[in-house]
C-alpha atoms as a PDB file:
ATOM      1  CA  MET A   1       1.583  32.114 -44.475  1.00  0.00           C
ATOM      2  CA  SER A   2       2.487  34.346 -41.569  1.00  0.00           C
ATOM      3  CA  GLY A   3       1.543  34.201 -37.925  1.00  0.00           C
ATOM      4  CA  ARG A   4       2.613  35.007 -34.438  1.00  0.00           C
ATOM      5  CA  ARG A   5       4.706  32.632 -32.410  1.00  0.00           C
ATOM      6  CA  LEU A   6       3.172  31.849 -29.050  1.00  0.00           C
ATOM      7  CA  ARG A   7       5.179  31.014 -25.971  1.00  0.00           C
ATOM      8  CA  HIS A   8       4.528  27.524 -24.607  1.00  0.00           C
ATOM      9  CA  ASP A   9       2.926  27.697 -21.165  1.00  0.00           C
ATOM     10  CA  ALA A  10       2.878  24.218 -19.597  1.00  0.00           C
ATOM     11  CA  SER A  11       0.831  25.381 -16.631  1.00  0.00           C
ATOM     12  CA  ARG A  12      -1.878  26.766 -18.877  1.00  0.00           C
ATOM     13  CA  CYS A  13      -1.822  23.583 -20.981  1.00  0.00           C
ATOM     14  CA  ALA A  14      -2.377  21.525 -17.837  1.00  0.00           C
ATOM     15  CA  GLN A  15      -5.306  23.771 -16.841  1.00  0.00           C
ATOM     16  CA  TRP A  16      -6.989  23.255 -20.211  1.00  0.00           C
ATOM     17  CA  ALA A  17      -6.284  19.529 -20.093  1.00  0.00           C
ATOM     18  CA  ALA A  18      -7.900  19.386 -16.637  1.00  0.00           C
ATOM     19  CA  LEU A  19     -11.056  21.047 -17.954  1.00  0.00           C
ATOM     20  CA  ALA A  20     -11.254  18.571 -20.819  1.00  0.00           C
ATOM     21  CA  ALA A  21     -10.416  15.614 -18.559  1.00  0.00           C
ATOM     22  CA  GLU A  22     -13.086  16.510 -16.022  1.00  0.00           C
ATOM     23  CA  GLY A  23     -15.551  16.765 -18.914  1.00  0.00           C
ATOM     24  CA  GLY A  24     -14.823  13.156 -19.879  1.00  0.00           C
ATOM     25  CA  ASP A  25     -12.592  13.768 -22.904  1.00  0.00           C
ATOM     26  CA  LYS A  26     -10.126  10.876 -23.233  1.00  0.00           C
ATOM     27  CA  LEU A  27      -7.420  12.987 -24.901  1.00  0.00           C
ATOM     28  CA  GLY A  28      -7.735  15.577 -22.144  1.00  0.00           C
ATOM     29  CA  GLN A  29      -7.481  12.787 -19.569  1.00  0.00           C
ATOM     30  CA  PHE A  30      -4.373  11.457 -21.268  1.00  0.00           C
ATOM     31  CA  ARG A  31      -2.749  14.885 -21.506  1.00  0.00           C
ATOM     32  CA  LEU A  32      -3.465  15.663 -17.861  1.00  0.00           C
ATOM     33  CA  ALA A  33      -2.073  12.265 -16.830  1.00  0.00           C
ATOM     34  CA  TYR A  34       1.032  12.917 -18.913  1.00  0.00           C
ATOM     35  CA  ALA A  35       1.466  16.321 -17.246  1.00  0.00           C
ATOM     36  CA  TYR A  36       1.312  14.710 -13.790  1.00  0.00           C
ATOM     37  CA  HIS A  37       3.551  11.837 -14.896  1.00  0.00           C
ATOM     38  CA  HIS A  38       6.295  14.157 -16.139  1.00  0.00           C
ATOM     39  CA  GLY A  39       5.694  17.229 -13.970  1.00  0.00           C
ATOM     40  CA  GLU A  40       4.853  19.481 -16.909  1.00  0.00           C
ATOM     41  CA  GLY A  41       2.890  22.482 -15.676  1.00  0.00           C
ATOM     42  CA  VAL A  42       1.949  20.696 -12.452  1.00  0.00           C
ATOM     43  CA  ALA A  43       3.870  19.041  -9.649  1.00  0.00           C
ATOM     44  CA  LYS A  44       4.903  15.489 -10.533  1.00  0.00           C
ATOM     45  CA  ASN A  45       2.319  13.149  -8.990  1.00  0.00           C
ATOM     46  CA  TRP A  46       2.248   9.515 -10.075  1.00  0.00           C
ATOM     47  CA  LYS A  47      -0.947   8.787  -8.138  1.00  0.00           C
ATOM     48  CA  GLU A  48      -2.809  11.467 -10.114  1.00  0.00           C
ATOM     49  CA  ALA A  49      -1.131  10.310 -13.319  1.00  0.00           C
ATOM     50  CA  LEU A  50      -2.378   6.752 -12.759  1.00  0.00           C
ATOM     51  CA  LEU A  51      -5.877   7.972 -11.998  1.00  0.00           C
ATOM     52  CA  TRP A  52      -6.124   9.956 -15.240  1.00  0.00           C
ATOM     53  CA  TYR A  53      -4.341   7.333 -17.355  1.00  0.00           C
ATOM     54  CA  ALA A  54      -6.901   4.809 -16.062  1.00  0.00           C
ATOM     55  CA  GLU A  55      -9.781   7.102 -17.022  1.00  0.00           C
ATOM     56  CA  ALA A  56      -8.379   7.489 -20.546  1.00  0.00           C
ATOM     57  CA  ALA A  57      -7.581   3.769 -20.812  1.00  0.00           C
ATOM     58  CA  GLU A  58     -11.176   2.870 -19.919  1.00  0.00           C
ATOM     59  CA  GLN A  59     -12.210   4.827 -22.993  1.00  0.00           C
ATOM     60  CA  GLY A  60      -9.760   2.923 -25.189  1.00  0.00           C
ATOM     61  CA  HIS A  61      -6.740   5.253 -25.260  1.00  0.00           C
ATOM     62  CA  GLY A  62      -3.904   2.847 -26.111  1.00  0.00           C
ATOM     63  CA  THR A  63      -0.968   4.993 -25.042  1.00  0.00           C
ATOM     64  CA  ALA A  64      -2.641   5.569 -21.666  1.00  0.00           C
ATOM     65  CA  MET A  65      -2.838   1.786 -21.253  1.00  0.00           C
ATOM     66  CA  CYS A  66       0.854   1.493 -22.061  1.00  0.00           C
ATOM     67  CA  ASN A  67       1.855   4.324 -19.719  1.00  0.00           C
ATOM     68  CA  ILE A  68       0.099   2.622 -16.803  1.00  0.00           C
ATOM     69  CA  GLY A  69       2.496  -0.274 -17.344  1.00  0.00           C
ATOM     70  CA  VAL A  70       5.446   2.113 -17.569  1.00  0.00           C
ATOM     71  CA  ILE A  71       4.611   3.600 -14.175  1.00  0.00           C
ATOM     72  CA  TYR A  72       4.325   0.160 -12.584  1.00  0.00           C
ATOM     73  CA  GLU A  73       7.576  -1.031 -14.211  1.00  0.00           C
END
């Protein structure tokens, strides 16, 4: 199998995650929270990270629940 290698664009990933998150998708919410938590493609912002982790956690995303605890640690 052959294909093209695409360059990773963290900013673009965060933009797509934001669209999914705002649409209510728990994985998109988690990915956007992670981006804010670690400053990947967006400026690091723990307040925004907590907000989006909480949204994902309310929908049952286990890692989001755990990462809320990590931020408060």
